Amino acid sequence: MHAVNNAVDSLFDEPPNAMRTAPPIPGLFVPPIRLPLELANDIVQQCMRLYFDGRDTNQIMLFGRTTSEHDGNMGSGLPTFLITLLHRLAELLRDHLPEQVHEMLFPPKDAPPRARQAILNLYHPGEGISPHVDLLKRFDDGIIGVSFGSGQEERLIGEHEEDGPLDRNRWDLYLEERSVLVLSEDARYNWTHGIDGRLKDFVSSGIDEQGEPEWIERGDEIEHHVQRTGDER
């Protein structure tokens, strides 16, 4: 089960503004796309029915194998609705990622199959997860995250000095409902990601995020991560 971090929001203790656009972390991508609403709603319903409704759990791990995006199924072992999601993500991300990153996430036709893991985390308002780097020995480069049901703030903390190339080692990023996050290279290996447990997020607004920040309440969210394991089983 994922770590839960409960907190009470206070109007007298405002957190830093969360950005709506991706910070300049190498290997981090938050494309300006959203999953189609009908597809997102179907995935939420399937996840709740199959894994969460009436069950005392907030995390599910599923395993399959990566095959080519040009293949008929792009994998085996995962439920059909998640394979459908992978196909749509391959299409939506094609024009928003460097070619080598897209091919790493969605292998070309002649690439050998690789083991793939899908993690489903259910967060209720007030819940979160401690900052972490996904297991280095278990998972390879390239992580896709998708937010379903609600948006919420993701905190990114770099493992370097603040006077380094980016001049800061913490960024707060607001991930909209149905948004997609990709972590690769430096962002995957040298930055932790986590979610503070709170009921609402303090988010920048306006053009260039110069408008008055606003509080956005959280709802129930399913966060879906897809990553490749580091061995070729």
Protein backbone atom coordinates (compact mmCIF):
# COMPACT_ATOMS: atom_id res chain seq x y z
CA MET A 1 0.00 0.00 0.00
CA HIS A 2 1.27 3.51 -0.71
CA ALA A 3 2.38 5.72 2.13
CA VAL A 4 -0.40 8.03 3.36
CA ASN A 5 0.35 11.46 4.73
CA ASN A 6 -2.65 13.22 6.29
CA ALA A 7 -2.60 16.97 6.80
CA VAL A 8 -5.04 19.76 7.68
CA ASP A 9 -5.06 22.81 5.42
CA SER A 10 -4.84 26.24 6.97
CA LEU A 11 -5.71 29.54 5.31
CA PHE A 12 -3.06 31.14 7.52
CA ASP A 13 -0.24 28.89 6.32
CA GLU A 14 -0.32 29.09 2.55
CA PRO A 15 2.05 26.69 0.75
CA PRO A 16 4.11 27.77 -2.28
CA ASN A 17 2.13 28.20 -5.50
CA ALA A 18 1.98 25.04 -7.58
CA MET A 19 2.80 25.59 -11.26
CA ARG A 20 0.49 24.48 -14.06
CA THR A 21 3.33 24.11 -16.57
CA ALA A 22 6.32 21.79 -16.46
CA PRO A 23 9.41 23.12 -14.65
CA PRO A 24 12.75 23.01 -16.50
CA ILE A 25 13.89 19.62 -15.21
CA PRO A 26 15.76 17.57 -17.85
CA GLY A 27 13.75 14.50 -18.81
CA LEU A 28 10.45 15.78 -17.34
CA PHE A 29 7.53 16.19 -19.76
CA VAL A 30 3.97 17.38 -19.10
CA PRO A 31 2.49 17.67 -22.60
CA PRO A 32 -0.45 20.06 -23.17
CA ILE A 33 -2.84 17.17 -23.80
CA ARG A 34 -5.67 15.50 -21.91
CA LEU A 35 -7.01 11.99 -22.20
CA PRO A 36 -10.47 11.90 -23.80
CA LEU A 37 -13.12 12.22 -21.08
CA GLU A 38 -15.03 9.10 -22.17
CA LEU A 39 -11.87 6.96 -22.04
CA ALA A 40 -10.85 8.39 -18.64
CA ASN A 41 -14.31 7.77 -17.14
CA ASP A 42 -14.30 4.18 -18.42
CA ILE A 43 -10.89 3.51 -16.85
CA VAL A 44 -11.99 4.93 -13.49
CA GLN A 45 -15.12 2.77 -13.50
CA GLN A 46 -13.16 -0.34 -14.41
CA CYS A 47 -10.51 0.28 -11.76
CA MET A 48 -13.06 0.93 -9.02
CA ARG A 49 -15.14 -2.13 -9.93
CA LEU A 50 -12.23 -4.55 -10.33
CA TYR A 51 -9.80 -3.38 -7.65
CA PHE A 52 -11.10 -0.87 -5.10
CA ASP A 53 -14.86 -0.94 -4.44
CA GLY A 54 -15.57 -2.87 -1.23
CA ARG A 55 -11.89 -3.67 -0.70
CA ASP A 56 -9.53 -2.40 1.98
CA THR A 57 -6.73 -1.43 -0.39
CA ASN A 58 -5.42 1.72 -2.07
CA GLN A 59 -2.74 0.27 -4.35
CA ILE A 60 -2.76 -2.39 -7.04
CA MET A 61 0.26 -3.70 -8.98
CA LEU A 62 -0.23 -5.42 -12.33
CA PHE A 63 2.39 -7.08 -14.53
CA GLY A 64 2.61 -7.72 -18.25
CA ARG A 65 5.04 -7.61 -21.15
CA THR A 66 5.83 -4.75 -23.51
CA THR A 67 5.57 -5.41 -27.21
CA SER A 68 5.60 -3.02 -30.14
CA GLU A 69 3.09 -0.21 -30.51
CA HIS A 70 2.77 -1.53 -34.09
CA ASP A 71 1.83 -4.94 -32.71
CA GLY A 72 -1.81 -5.89 -32.35
CA ASN A 73 -1.91 -5.58 -28.55
CA MET A 74 1.23 -3.72 -27.32
CA GLY A 75 1.50 -6.20 -24.46
CA SER A 76 0.13 -9.18 -22.64
CA GLY A 77 -0.86 -9.86 -19.05
CA LEU A 78 -2.44 -6.44 -18.47
CA PRO A 79 -6.22 -5.95 -18.55
CA THR A 80 -7.67 -4.92 -21.90
CA PHE A 81 -8.65 -1.42 -20.77
CA LEU A 82 -5.04 -0.64 -19.75
CA ILE A 83 -3.71 -1.94 -23.08
CA THR A 84 -6.22 0.36 -24.78
CA LEU A 85 -4.87 3.20 -22.65
CA LEU A 86 -1.31 2.43 -23.78
CA HIS A 87 -2.38 2.63 -27.43
CA ARG A 88 -4.02 6.03 -26.89
CA LEU A 89 -1.04 7.34 -24.95
CA ALA A 90 1.31 6.27 -27.77
CA GLU A 91 -0.80 8.28 -30.22
CA LEU A 92 -1.27 11.33 -28.00
CA LEU A 93 2.38 11.60 -26.96
CA ARG A 94 3.97 11.03 -30.36
CA ASP A 95 4.22 14.73 -31.25
CA HIS A 96 5.09 15.89 -27.72
CA LEU A 97 8.12 13.77 -26.79
CA PRO A 98 11.61 13.44 -28.28
CA GLU A 99 11.72 10.45 -30.63
CA GLN A 100 14.10 8.47 -28.42
CA VAL A 101 11.88 8.96 -25.35
CA HIS A 102 8.76 7.90 -27.25
CA GLU A 103 10.51 4.76 -28.55
CA MET A 104 11.72 3.94 -25.03
CA LEU A 105 8.16 4.10 -23.71
CA PHE A 106 6.52 2.51 -26.76
CA PRO A 107 9.10 0.19 -28.38
CA PRO A 108 9.45 -0.06 -32.16
CA LYS A 109 8.42 -3.20 -34.00
CA ASP A 110 11.85 -4.88 -33.94
CA ALA A 111 12.53 -4.26 -30.23
CA PRO A 112 12.67 -7.29 -27.88
CA PRO A 113 9.76 -7.67 -25.44
CA ARG A 114 10.27 -6.24 -21.95
CA ALA A 115 8.44 -6.79 -18.69
CA ARG A 116 6.13 -3.90 -17.76
CA GLN A 117 4.46 -2.98 -14.48
CA ALA A 118 1.32 -0.89 -13.99
CA ILE A 119 0.62 0.62 -10.55
CA LEU A 120 -2.79 2.01 -9.61
CA ASN A 121 -2.91 4.27 -6.53
CA LEU A 122 -6.21 5.48 -5.07
CA TYR A 123 -6.02 8.78 -3.16
CA HIS A 124 -8.86 10.29 -1.14
CA PRO A 125 -8.72 14.02 -0.28
CA GLY A 126 -6.16 14.52 2.49
CA GLU A 127 -4.01 11.56 1.44
CA GLY A 128 -0.64 11.54 -0.29
CA ILE A 129 2.64 9.68 -0.69
CA SER A 130 6.11 10.43 0.67
CA PRO A 131 8.76 11.78 -1.76
CA HIS A 132 10.55 8.88 -3.44
CA VAL A 133 12.46 7.70 -6.49
CA ASP A 134 10.94 4.56 -8.00
CA LEU A 135 13.14 1.54 -7.26
CA LEU A 136 16.35 1.84 -9.24
CA LYS A 137 17.16 -1.87 -9.37
CA ARG A 138 13.62 -2.93 -10.31
CA PHE A 139 12.52 -0.33 -12.84
CA ASP A 140 14.21 0.90 -16.00
CA ASP A 141 14.20 4.43 -17.36
CA GLY A 142 10.90 5.91 -18.49
CA ILE A 143 7.79 6.32 -16.29
CA ILE A 144 4.35 7.44 -17.46
CA GLY A 145 1.89 8.87 -14.93
CA VAL A 146 -1.77 9.65 -15.62
CA SER A 147 -4.21 11.38 -13.24
CA PHE A 148 -7.83 10.23 -13.20
CA GLY A 149 -10.79 11.67 -11.30
CA SER A 150 -9.11 14.74 -9.81
CA GLY A 151 -6.07 16.94 -10.14
CA GLN A 152 -3.50 17.35 -7.40
CA GLU A 153 -0.07 18.79 -6.69
CA GLU A 154 3.10 16.77 -7.23
CA ARG A 155 6.24 17.87 -5.39
CA LEU A 156 9.59 17.34 -7.13
CA ILE A 157 12.81 17.56 -5.12
CA GLY A 158 16.23 17.32 -6.77
CA GLU A 159 19.18 15.55 -5.23
CA HIS A 160 21.63 18.40 -5.93
CA GLU A 161 22.65 21.75 -4.45
CA GLU A 162 20.34 24.73 -4.92
CA ASP A 163 23.10 26.69 -6.63
CA GLY A 164 23.34 24.04 -9.36
CA PRO A 165 22.30 24.46 -13.02
CA LEU A 166 18.60 24.90 -12.20
CA ASP A 167 19.22 27.30 -9.29
CA ARG A 168 16.64 25.48 -7.17
CA ASN A 169 15.97 21.93 -6.10
CA ARG A 170 12.23 21.97 -5.44
CA TRP A 171 9.27 22.48 -7.76
CA ASP A 172 5.54 22.14 -7.03
CA LEU A 173 3.59 21.06 -10.10
CA TYR A 174 -0.20 20.88 -10.35
CA LEU A 175 -1.31 17.95 -12.49
CA GLU A 176 -4.76 18.48 -13.95
CA GLU A 177 -7.31 15.69 -14.16
CA ARG A 178 -6.59 13.52 -17.25
CA SER A 179 -3.10 15.00 -17.62
CA VAL A 180 -0.01 12.94 -18.47
CA LEU A 181 3.41 13.11 -16.82
CA VAL A 182 6.59 11.50 -18.19
CA LEU A 183 9.74 11.03 -16.11
CA SER A 184 12.96 10.07 -17.88
CA GLU A 185 16.72 10.45 -17.44
CA ASP A 186 17.55 13.11 -14.81
CA ALA A 187 13.92 13.57 -13.76
CA ARG A 188 13.50 9.83 -13.25
CA TYR A 189 16.79 9.10 -11.42
CA ASN A 190 17.81 12.31 -9.61
CA TRP A 191 14.49 13.88 -8.54
CA THR A 192 12.06 12.52 -5.98
CA HIS A 193 8.32 12.89 -6.60
CA GLY A 194 5.63 12.85 -3.93
CA ILE A 195 2.21 14.19 -2.94
CA ASP A 196 1.55 16.13 0.26
CA GLY A 197 -1.54 14.95 2.11
CA ARG A 198 -3.93 17.89 1.98
CA LEU A 199 -7.54 18.67 1.10
CA LYS A 200 -6.80 21.34 -1.51
CA ASP A 201 -3.92 22.78 -3.49
CA PHE A 202 -2.73 26.40 -3.89
CA VAL A 203 -2.29 26.81 -7.64
CA SER A 204 -0.98 29.59 -9.91
CA SER A 205 -3.33 31.01 -12.53
CA GLY A 206 -3.44 33.42 -15.45
CA ILE A 207 -1.15 33.95 -18.43
CA ASP A 208 2.44 32.99 -17.55
CA GLU A 209 1.06 32.01 -14.14
CA GLN A 210 1.13 35.63 -13.01
CA GLY A 211 -2.52 35.75 -11.93
CA GLU A 212 -3.85 35.50 -8.40
CA PRO A 213 -3.26 31.97 -7.04
CA GLU A 214 -6.35 29.96 -6.20
CA TRP A 215 -7.24 27.08 -3.91
CA ILE A 216 -8.46 23.98 -5.77
CA GLU A 217 -10.15 21.27 -3.75
CA ARG A 218 -9.13 17.68 -4.30
CA GLY A 219 -11.48 14.83 -5.09
CA ASP A 220 -10.89 11.10 -5.20
CA GLU A 221 -8.05 10.39 -7.62
CA ILE A 222 -6.65 7.29 -9.25
CA GLU A 223 -3.03 7.76 -10.29
CA HIS A 224 -1.80 5.29 -12.88
CA HIS A 225 1.93 4.69 -13.37
CA VAL A 226 3.39 2.50 -16.12
CA GLN A 227 7.05 1.54 -16.07
CA ARG A 228 9.35 -1.10 -17.50
CA THR A 229 11.20 -3.50 -15.22
CA GLY A 230 14.96 -3.49 -15.49
CA ASP A 231 15.44 -7.12 -16.54
CA GLU A 232 14.55 -8.93 -19.75
CA ARG A 233 12.61 -11.86 -18.41
